[in-house]
Structures are given as structure tokens and as C-alpha cells.
Amino acid sequence: MRKLTTILIAAIALSGCFELSYGPTRPHYSTPAPVQVHYNVDLCWDEPYVGSPHWCEWHGDGTACCAWHIGGGTYEEWCQWGDQCWDYNGSF
């Protein structure tokens, strides 16, 4: 029986069915796909937010810029550049 066990172990080892490795294995990480953001430049916002703006500035050239509080001490400024569309102008 011992001879049969030795022959089986030798045959399995020589056949290449098993791959023995020692030590810690490294995890395999896949690279995430890049995120693509597309903006529709023809989009016209009536009002960027439902609530009233925190403050507004009106300029002599017909431009109006208003800031809305979006939470956490952050504000977004949106401006109307002569037409009725609101354009995002930055956050602070």
C-alpha cells in the first residue's frame, strides 16, 4: 500500500496537474474603467434649484448672477448672460 501511495504522489507531481506555491498570495486588482462626463451645451436651465437664491447681483449689461446654498457650507453660483438660460459659474 505504501508503494502504491508513493507511485500515485509521484505520478500526480510529474503530470503537472497541481501547482504548489508557498507564501502569501497577492490579491489581483483590476483597473476601473475611466469615467466619461458629457455635457449638453444646448441645455437651458430655467432655475438651477427650486428654492430661492441666497444672494443675487444684477449688472448694467443685463447679466444677473445668483448663488444657491447646496449644503455643508457650499454655494453654487449661476449666471444669466443676457438670455434666460442659467449657466453654472462655479462653487465656493
N, C-alpha and C. Protein backbone atom coordinates (compact mmCIF):
# COMPACT_ATOMS: atom_id res chain seq x y z
N MET A 1 0.82 -1.18 0.00
CA MET A 1 0.00 0.00 0.00
C MET A 1 0.87 1.26 0.00
N ARG A 2 1.95 1.22 0.75
CA ARG A 2 2.84 2.37 0.82
C ARG A 2 3.49 2.63 -0.54
N LYS A 3 3.81 1.59 -1.23
CA LYS A 3 4.42 1.71 -2.54
C LYS A 3 3.43 2.33 -3.54
N LEU A 4 2.16 1.93 -3.47
CA LEU A 4 1.13 2.47 -4.34
C LEU A 4 0.91 3.96 -4.09
N THR A 5 0.90 4.35 -2.82
CA THR A 5 0.73 5.76 -2.46
C THR A 5 1.89 6.59 -2.99
N THR A 6 3.10 6.11 -2.87
CA THR A 6 4.29 6.81 -3.36
C THR A 6 4.23 6.96 -4.87
N ILE A 7 3.81 5.93 -5.57
CA ILE A 7 3.71 5.98 -7.03
C ILE A 7 2.64 6.99 -7.45
N LEU A 8 1.49 7.02 -6.76
CA LEU A 8 0.43 7.97 -7.06
C LEU A 8 0.90 9.41 -6.85
N ILE A 9 1.58 9.65 -5.77
CA ILE A 9 2.08 11.00 -5.49
C ILE A 9 3.09 11.41 -6.54
N ALA A 10 3.97 10.53 -6.92
CA ALA A 10 4.98 10.82 -7.94
C ALA A 10 4.30 11.07 -9.29
N ALA A 11 3.31 10.28 -9.61
CA ALA A 11 2.62 10.45 -10.90
C ALA A 11 1.87 11.77 -10.95
N ILE A 12 1.22 12.14 -9.87
CA ILE A 12 0.48 13.42 -9.83
C ILE A 12 1.46 14.58 -9.91
N ALA A 13 2.58 14.50 -9.20
CA ALA A 13 3.56 15.58 -9.20
C ALA A 13 4.19 15.75 -10.57
N LEU A 14 4.44 14.65 -11.27
CA LEU A 14 5.07 14.72 -12.58
C LEU A 14 4.09 15.08 -13.69
N SER A 15 2.79 14.89 -13.46
CA SER A 15 1.81 15.17 -14.51
C SER A 15 1.52 16.67 -14.67
N GLY A 16 1.85 17.48 -13.70
CA GLY A 16 1.63 18.90 -13.80
C GLY A 16 0.21 19.33 -13.48
N CYS A 17 -0.56 18.49 -12.85
CA CYS A 17 -1.94 18.83 -12.52
C CYS A 17 -2.03 19.77 -11.34
N PHE A 18 -1.04 19.79 -10.53
CA PHE A 18 -1.07 20.65 -9.35
C PHE A 18 0.02 21.69 -9.44
N GLU A 19 -0.31 22.85 -8.97
CA GLU A 19 0.68 23.92 -8.88
C GLU A 19 0.84 24.26 -7.41
N LEU A 20 2.00 23.98 -6.89
CA LEU A 20 2.24 24.24 -5.48
C LEU A 20 2.94 25.59 -5.35
N SER A 21 2.45 26.40 -4.46
CA SER A 21 3.10 27.68 -4.19
C SER A 21 3.08 27.91 -2.70
N TYR A 22 4.11 28.57 -2.25
CA TYR A 22 4.25 28.82 -0.82
C TYR A 22 4.31 30.32 -0.58
N GLY A 23 3.92 30.73 0.59
CA GLY A 23 3.97 32.14 0.94
C GLY A 23 2.64 32.81 0.68
N PRO A 24 2.55 34.08 1.07
CA PRO A 24 1.29 34.80 0.90
C PRO A 24 1.00 35.07 -0.59
N THR A 25 -0.24 35.05 -0.92
CA THR A 25 -0.63 35.34 -2.29
C THR A 25 -0.98 36.82 -2.40
N ARG A 26 -0.72 37.40 -3.55
CA ARG A 26 -1.04 38.81 -3.76
C ARG A 26 -2.45 38.89 -4.35
N PRO A 27 -3.25 39.83 -3.84
CA PRO A 27 -4.58 39.99 -4.43
C PRO A 27 -4.48 40.58 -5.83
N HIS A 28 -5.44 40.28 -6.65
CA HIS A 28 -5.49 40.80 -8.02
C HIS A 28 -6.48 41.96 -8.06
N TYR A 29 -5.98 43.12 -8.45
CA TYR A 29 -6.83 44.29 -8.55
C TYR A 29 -7.01 44.63 -10.02
N SER A 30 -8.23 44.88 -10.40
CA SER A 30 -8.47 45.31 -11.77
C SER A 30 -8.57 46.83 -11.80
N THR A 31 -8.14 47.41 -12.86
CA THR A 31 -8.18 48.86 -13.02
C THR A 31 -9.60 49.26 -13.41
N PRO A 32 -10.20 50.21 -12.69
CA PRO A 32 -11.56 50.63 -13.06
C PRO A 32 -11.57 51.34 -14.41
N ALA A 33 -12.68 51.25 -15.08
CA ALA A 33 -12.84 51.93 -16.37
C ALA A 33 -12.90 53.44 -16.14
N PRO A 34 -12.35 54.23 -17.04
CA PRO A 34 -12.42 55.69 -16.86
C PRO A 34 -13.85 56.19 -16.97
N VAL A 35 -14.13 57.23 -16.21
CA VAL A 35 -15.47 57.83 -16.22
C VAL A 35 -15.48 58.95 -17.26
N GLN A 36 -16.48 58.93 -18.09
CA GLN A 36 -16.62 59.98 -19.09
C GLN A 36 -17.87 60.79 -18.78
N VAL A 37 -17.70 62.11 -18.76
CA VAL A 37 -18.81 63.01 -18.49
C VAL A 37 -19.06 63.81 -19.76
N HIS A 38 -20.28 63.80 -20.22
CA HIS A 38 -20.65 64.55 -21.41
C HIS A 38 -21.63 65.65 -21.02
N TYR A 39 -21.36 66.85 -21.49
CA TYR A 39 -22.22 67.98 -21.20
C TYR A 39 -23.01 68.32 -22.46
N ASN A 40 -24.26 68.62 -22.27
CA ASN A 40 -25.10 69.06 -23.37
C ASN A 40 -25.08 70.59 -23.37
N VAL A 41 -24.38 71.18 -24.33
CA VAL A 41 -24.21 72.63 -24.33
C VAL A 41 -25.49 73.37 -24.72
N ASP A 42 -26.45 72.67 -25.30
CA ASP A 42 -27.71 73.31 -25.68
C ASP A 42 -28.74 73.29 -24.57
N LEU A 43 -28.37 72.80 -23.41
CA LEU A 43 -29.30 72.68 -22.30
C LEU A 43 -29.55 74.05 -21.68
N CYS A 44 -30.79 74.39 -21.43
CA CYS A 44 -31.14 75.68 -20.85
C CYS A 44 -31.84 75.43 -19.51
N TRP A 45 -31.29 75.99 -18.45
CA TRP A 45 -31.87 75.86 -17.12
C TRP A 45 -32.77 77.05 -16.83
N ASP A 46 -34.02 76.79 -16.51
CA ASP A 46 -34.91 77.87 -16.09
C ASP A 46 -34.45 78.43 -14.75
N GLU A 47 -34.31 77.57 -13.76
CA GLU A 47 -33.76 77.90 -12.45
C GLU A 47 -32.94 76.70 -12.02
N PRO A 48 -31.73 76.88 -11.57
CA PRO A 48 -30.89 75.72 -11.20
C PRO A 48 -31.45 74.94 -10.00
N TYR A 49 -32.07 75.64 -9.05
CA TYR A 49 -32.60 74.99 -7.86
C TYR A 49 -34.02 75.48 -7.60
N VAL A 50 -34.79 74.68 -6.89
CA VAL A 50 -36.18 75.01 -6.62
C VAL A 50 -36.29 76.18 -5.64
N GLY A 51 -35.46 76.21 -4.61
CA GLY A 51 -35.53 77.25 -3.59
C GLY A 51 -34.99 78.59 -4.08
N SER A 52 -35.24 79.61 -3.29
CA SER A 52 -34.76 80.96 -3.61
C SER A 52 -33.24 81.03 -3.46
N PRO A 53 -32.58 81.86 -4.27
CA PRO A 53 -31.13 82.01 -4.14
C PRO A 53 -30.77 82.71 -2.83
N HIS A 54 -29.56 82.44 -2.34
CA HIS A 54 -29.08 83.07 -1.11
C HIS A 54 -28.78 84.55 -1.36
N TRP A 55 -28.20 84.89 -2.50
CA TRP A 55 -27.97 86.27 -2.90
C TRP A 55 -27.90 86.37 -4.41
N CYS A 56 -28.12 87.57 -4.93
CA CYS A 56 -28.04 87.84 -6.37
C CYS A 56 -27.35 89.18 -6.61
N GLU A 57 -26.71 89.29 -7.75
CA GLU A 57 -26.12 90.56 -8.21
C GLU A 57 -26.63 90.83 -9.61
N TRP A 58 -27.08 92.04 -9.86
CA TRP A 58 -27.53 92.44 -11.18
C TRP A 58 -26.55 93.45 -11.72
N HIS A 59 -26.15 93.28 -12.98
CA HIS A 59 -25.17 94.17 -13.61
C HIS A 59 -25.86 94.99 -14.69
N GLY A 60 -25.26 96.11 -15.06
CA GLY A 60 -25.83 97.03 -16.03
C GLY A 60 -26.00 96.44 -17.43
N ASP A 61 -25.25 95.41 -17.75
CA ASP A 61 -25.33 94.83 -19.09
C ASP A 61 -26.43 93.77 -19.20
N GLY A 62 -27.27 93.66 -18.16
CA GLY A 62 -28.36 92.68 -18.18
C GLY A 62 -27.99 91.33 -17.61
N THR A 63 -26.75 91.20 -17.13
CA THR A 63 -26.30 89.94 -16.54
C THR A 63 -26.72 89.88 -15.09
N ALA A 64 -27.21 88.74 -14.67
CA ALA A 64 -27.54 88.50 -13.26
C ALA A 64 -26.82 87.25 -12.81
N CYS A 65 -26.20 87.31 -11.64
CA CYS A 65 -25.53 86.15 -11.05
C CYS A 65 -26.11 85.92 -9.66
N CYS A 66 -26.48 84.68 -9.39
CA CYS A 66 -27.06 84.33 -8.09
C CYS A 66 -26.35 83.12 -7.52
N ALA A 67 -26.36 83.01 -6.19
CA ALA A 67 -25.72 81.88 -5.51
C ALA A 67 -26.77 81.15 -4.68
N TRP A 68 -26.77 79.83 -4.81
CA TRP A 68 -27.66 78.97 -4.04
C TRP A 68 -26.83 78.15 -3.07
N HIS A 69 -27.32 78.02 -1.85
CA HIS A 69 -26.68 77.19 -0.84
C HIS A 69 -27.04 75.74 -1.15
N ILE A 70 -26.02 74.89 -1.36
CA ILE A 70 -26.29 73.50 -1.71
C ILE A 70 -25.98 72.55 -0.56
N GLY A 71 -25.61 73.09 0.60
CA GLY A 71 -25.39 72.27 1.79
C GLY A 71 -23.93 72.23 2.19
N GLY A 72 -23.72 72.01 3.49
CA GLY A 72 -22.37 71.86 4.02
C GLY A 72 -21.50 73.10 3.86
N GLY A 73 -22.09 74.26 3.84
CA GLY A 73 -21.31 75.49 3.69
C GLY A 73 -20.85 75.75 2.26
N THR A 74 -21.39 75.04 1.29
CA THR A 74 -21.00 75.19 -0.11
C THR A 74 -22.11 75.90 -0.88
N TYR A 75 -21.71 76.82 -1.74
CA TYR A 75 -22.64 77.57 -2.59
C TYR A 75 -22.26 77.36 -4.05
N GLU A 76 -23.24 77.38 -4.92
CA GLU A 76 -23.01 77.36 -6.36
C GLU A 76 -23.52 78.66 -6.95
N GLU A 77 -22.69 79.25 -7.82
CA GLU A 77 -23.08 80.49 -8.48
C GLU A 77 -23.50 80.18 -9.92
N TRP A 78 -24.64 80.72 -10.30
CA TRP A 78 -25.19 80.57 -11.64
C TRP A 78 -25.46 81.96 -12.19
N CYS A 79 -25.22 82.15 -13.49
CA CYS A 79 -25.39 83.47 -14.10
C CYS A 79 -26.27 83.38 -15.35
N GLN A 80 -26.97 84.46 -15.60
CA GLN A 80 -27.71 84.65 -16.85
C GLN A 80 -26.95 85.67 -17.67
N TRP A 81 -26.47 85.28 -18.84
CA TRP A 81 -25.62 86.13 -19.66
C TRP A 81 -26.43 86.79 -20.77
N GLY A 82 -27.53 87.44 -20.47
CA GLY A 82 -28.33 88.13 -21.47
C GLY A 82 -29.53 87.34 -21.94
N ASP A 83 -29.43 86.02 -22.00
CA ASP A 83 -30.60 85.22 -22.35
C ASP A 83 -31.26 84.74 -21.05
N GLN A 84 -32.24 83.92 -21.14
CA GLN A 84 -32.94 83.46 -19.94
C GLN A 84 -32.37 82.15 -19.39
N CYS A 85 -31.28 81.65 -19.98
CA CYS A 85 -30.67 80.40 -19.51
C CYS A 85 -29.69 80.69 -18.38
N TRP A 86 -29.70 79.83 -17.37
CA TRP A 86 -28.74 79.93 -16.27
C TRP A 86 -27.55 79.05 -16.60
N ASP A 87 -26.35 79.58 -16.47
CA ASP A 87 -25.10 78.86 -16.71
C ASP A 87 -24.33 78.74 -15.40
N TYR A 88 -23.82 77.55 -15.13
CA TYR A 88 -23.01 77.31 -13.92
C TYR A 88 -21.75 78.15 -13.99
N ASN A 89 -21.45 78.88 -12.90
CA ASN A 89 -20.30 79.77 -12.89
C ASN A 89 -19.27 79.39 -11.82
N GLY A 90 -19.49 78.30 -11.09
CA GLY A 90 -18.52 77.87 -10.09
C GLY A 90 -19.16 77.65 -8.73
N SER A 91 -18.35 77.10 -7.82
CA SER A 91 -18.83 76.88 -6.46
C SER A 91 -17.78 77.39 -5.48
N PHE A 92 -18.24 77.73 -4.31
CA PHE A 92 -17.35 78.23 -3.26
C PHE A 92 -17.88 77.84 -1.91
